[in-house]
Amino acid sequence: MIKPLQKKIAETFDPILDAQKAALKVATGKRDEALKPTQEAERFVKGLISDYHERADEARRRLAARIREREQQDEAARRKLEDAGRPVPVALQPVAPAPELEAPRVAGVSTKKAPKYEVLDAALLKPAFLLPDGTKIGKTVRALGLDAVDTVSADPAKPAIRVWHEREVSARADE
């Protein structure tokens, strides 16, 4: 008595649910097809932004290095003049340090440094990482950053992994 009732209910609702699944599959396929060019464009733009930030960071590092080098040269020249008992020209007087240069900000776009790693020699890994367990190593790298090399390597003198940072770009949709 119950089985026939269950069968009748299934015969009523199963075609509706099957049609819903088919419609969802079609709609999802069309949506994914329509989104594909925008996702490719987003990846392209994020790559450009990341490259720009890397170049800007490198330019800032080079400028800061040149400023530090010039300050060291000026300090050495000032000391040399002072040691010789000669007056120090105003140009060689200490000045405030150069301001920190900051990357330009774009509304809705942010970047972060994401630690990455590669296993250089699995034989040098600590026993806990021997599999090597990429998830476990990745978790350690994300937690410790560059210091993860010592934690993961059995012998710190022979690193088992290489860790570096890559800039990742993320953007939020403005509504």
Protein backbone atom coordinates (compact mmCIF):
# COMPACT_ATOMS: atom_id res chain seq x y z
CA MET A 1 0.00 0.00 0.00
CA ILE A 2 2.83 2.39 0.75
CA LYS A 3 5.04 1.30 -2.16
CA PRO A 4 2.42 2.08 -4.82
CA LEU A 5 1.91 5.51 -3.28
CA GLN A 6 5.68 6.16 -3.27
CA LYS A 7 5.84 5.05 -6.91
CA LYS A 8 3.02 7.41 -7.88
CA ILE A 9 4.71 10.32 -6.09
CA ALA A 10 8.02 9.53 -7.82
CA GLU A 11 6.26 9.34 -11.21
CA THR A 12 4.79 12.79 -10.55
CA PHE A 13 7.93 14.59 -9.33
CA ASP A 14 10.82 12.78 -11.02
CA PRO A 15 10.12 14.24 -14.52
CA ILE A 16 9.94 17.72 -13.01
CA LEU A 17 13.24 17.23 -11.17
CA ASP A 18 14.88 15.73 -14.28
CA ALA A 19 13.74 18.73 -16.33
CA GLN A 20 15.09 21.05 -13.64
CA LYS A 21 18.49 19.27 -13.73
CA ALA A 22 18.59 19.49 -17.54
CA ALA A 23 17.66 23.20 -17.46
CA LEU A 24 20.30 23.88 -14.82
CA LYS A 25 22.94 22.09 -16.91
CA VAL A 26 22.04 24.14 -20.00
CA ALA A 27 21.92 27.42 -18.07
CA THR A 28 25.24 26.70 -16.33
CA GLY A 29 26.88 25.87 -19.66
CA LYS A 30 25.63 29.09 -21.28
CA ARG A 31 26.66 31.14 -18.25
CA ASP A 32 30.16 29.62 -18.25
CA GLU A 33 30.46 30.24 -21.98
CA ALA A 34 29.41 33.89 -21.52
CA LEU A 35 31.79 34.35 -18.57
CA LYS A 36 34.83 32.83 -20.31
CA PRO A 37 35.98 36.04 -22.12
CA THR A 38 35.56 38.13 -18.97
CA GLN A 39 37.56 35.63 -16.91
CA GLU A 40 40.34 35.63 -19.51
CA ALA A 41 40.33 39.45 -19.54
CA GLU A 42 40.48 39.52 -15.74
CA ARG A 43 43.48 37.14 -15.71
CA PHE A 44 45.21 39.29 -18.36
CA VAL A 45 44.59 42.55 -16.46
CA LYS A 46 45.67 41.01 -13.15
CA GLY A 47 48.88 39.86 -14.83
CA LEU A 48 49.52 43.39 -16.10
CA ILE A 49 48.85 44.86 -12.66
CA SER A 50 51.14 42.32 -11.02
CA ASP A 51 53.91 43.02 -13.55
CA TYR A 52 53.51 46.77 -12.99
CA HIS A 53 53.78 46.35 -9.21
CA GLU A 54 56.85 44.14 -9.57
CA ARG A 55 58.54 46.71 -11.83
CA ALA A 56 57.54 49.56 -9.50
CA ASP A 57 58.84 47.67 -6.46
CA GLU A 58 62.12 46.97 -8.23
CA ALA A 59 62.45 50.65 -9.23
CA ARG A 60 61.78 51.69 -5.61
CA ARG A 61 64.38 49.21 -4.35
CA ARG A 62 66.97 50.49 -6.84
CA LEU A 63 66.22 54.13 -5.92
CA ALA A 64 66.45 53.36 -2.20
CA ALA A 65 69.75 51.54 -2.78
CA ARG A 66 71.14 54.52 -4.72
CA ILE A 67 70.03 56.90 -1.97
CA ARG A 68 71.60 54.69 0.73
CA GLU A 69 74.82 54.43 -1.29
CA ARG A 70 74.94 58.21 -1.75
CA GLU A 71 74.28 58.75 1.97
CA GLN A 72 77.10 56.34 2.84
CA GLN A 73 79.47 58.13 0.45
CA ASP A 74 78.48 61.51 1.93
CA GLU A 75 78.94 60.17 5.47
CA ALA A 76 82.39 58.79 4.59
CA ALA A 77 83.40 62.13 3.00
CA ARG A 78 82.07 64.05 6.02
CA ARG A 79 84.03 61.84 8.45
CA LYS A 80 87.16 62.20 6.35
CA LEU A 81 86.86 66.01 6.46
CA GLU A 82 86.10 65.98 10.19
CA ASP A 83 89.08 63.68 10.88
CA ALA A 84 91.31 66.05 8.90
CA GLY A 85 89.99 69.00 10.95
CA ARG A 86 88.54 70.75 7.93
CA PRO A 87 85.08 72.37 7.86
CA VAL A 88 82.30 70.19 6.48
CA PRO A 89 80.40 71.70 3.50
CA VAL A 90 76.66 72.13 3.97
CA ALA A 91 75.96 69.61 1.20
CA LEU A 92 77.59 66.90 3.33
CA GLN A 93 75.60 67.69 6.48
CA PRO A 94 73.24 64.87 7.52
CA VAL A 95 69.73 65.23 6.13
CA ALA A 96 66.49 63.47 6.88
CA PRO A 97 66.25 60.01 5.29
CA ALA A 98 64.44 59.69 1.99
CA PRO A 99 60.71 59.07 2.39
CA GLU A 100 59.35 55.57 1.86
CA LEU A 101 57.98 55.28 -1.65
CA GLU A 102 54.60 53.62 -1.87
CA ALA A 103 52.95 51.96 -4.85
CA PRO A 104 49.93 53.79 -6.28
CA ARG A 105 46.54 52.57 -5.11
CA VAL A 106 43.66 51.62 -7.39
CA ALA A 107 40.15 51.45 -5.96
CA GLY A 108 38.92 47.88 -5.66
CA VAL A 109 42.27 46.29 -6.54
CA SER A 110 44.74 44.95 -4.01
CA THR A 111 47.85 42.85 -4.10
CA LYS A 112 49.48 40.58 -1.59
CA LYS A 113 52.64 38.56 -1.44
CA ALA A 114 51.84 34.88 -1.62
CA PRO A 115 54.57 32.49 -0.52
CA LYS A 116 55.42 29.74 -3.02
CA TYR A 117 57.80 26.81 -2.77
CA GLU A 118 59.35 23.97 -4.73
CA VAL A 119 61.01 20.84 -3.39
CA LEU A 120 64.68 20.89 -4.33
CA ASP A 121 65.61 17.49 -2.90
CA ALA A 122 63.04 15.19 -1.28
CA ALA A 123 65.83 13.20 0.38
CA LEU A 124 66.70 16.26 2.47
CA LEU A 125 63.19 16.72 3.88
CA LYS A 126 62.47 16.08 7.55
CA PRO A 127 60.65 12.79 8.17
CA ALA A 128 57.38 14.62 8.82
CA PHE A 129 57.50 16.00 5.26
CA LEU A 130 58.89 12.89 3.53
CA LEU A 131 55.85 11.95 1.52
CA PRO A 132 56.35 14.89 0.45
CA ASP A 133 52.98 16.16 1.62
CA GLY A 134 52.35 19.23 -0.52
CA THR A 135 49.44 20.33 1.66
CA LYS A 136 51.52 20.15 4.83
CA ILE A 137 54.53 21.85 3.23
CA GLY A 138 52.27 24.54 1.75
CA LYS A 139 50.65 25.18 5.13
CA THR A 140 54.07 25.50 6.74
CA VAL A 141 55.28 27.85 3.98
CA ARG A 142 52.17 30.05 4.29
CA ALA A 143 52.61 30.22 8.07
CA LEU A 144 56.37 30.80 8.22
CA GLY A 145 57.18 32.34 4.84
CA LEU A 146 60.89 32.26 4.04
CA ASP A 147 61.67 30.71 7.45
CA ALA A 148 59.88 27.51 6.38
CA VAL A 149 63.07 26.29 4.68
CA ASP A 150 64.69 25.59 8.07
CA THR A 151 61.54 23.96 9.45
CA VAL A 152 61.01 21.62 6.49
CA SER A 153 64.66 20.77 5.76
CA ALA A 154 66.33 18.03 7.81
CA ASP A 155 69.66 19.87 7.51
CA PRO A 156 69.38 23.70 7.31
CA ALA A 157 72.76 23.80 5.55
CA LYS A 158 71.19 21.81 2.69
CA PRO A 159 67.75 23.28 1.93
CA ALA A 160 65.17 20.74 0.79
CA ILE A 161 62.81 23.39 -0.59
CA ARG A 162 63.06 26.83 -2.14
CA VAL A 163 60.60 29.48 -0.92
CA TRP A 164 59.78 32.79 -2.62
CA HIS A 165 56.92 35.29 -2.78
CA GLU A 166 54.79 36.04 -5.80
CA ARG A 167 52.48 39.00 -5.95
CA GLU A 168 48.83 38.03 -6.34
CA VAL A 169 46.24 40.53 -7.51
CA SER A 170 42.67 40.47 -6.31
CA ALA A 171 39.87 42.79 -7.29
CA ARG A 172 36.43 43.28 -5.85
CA ALA A 173 33.39 44.14 -7.88
CA ASP A 174 32.08 47.67 -7.30
CA GLU A 175 28.34 47.70 -7.22
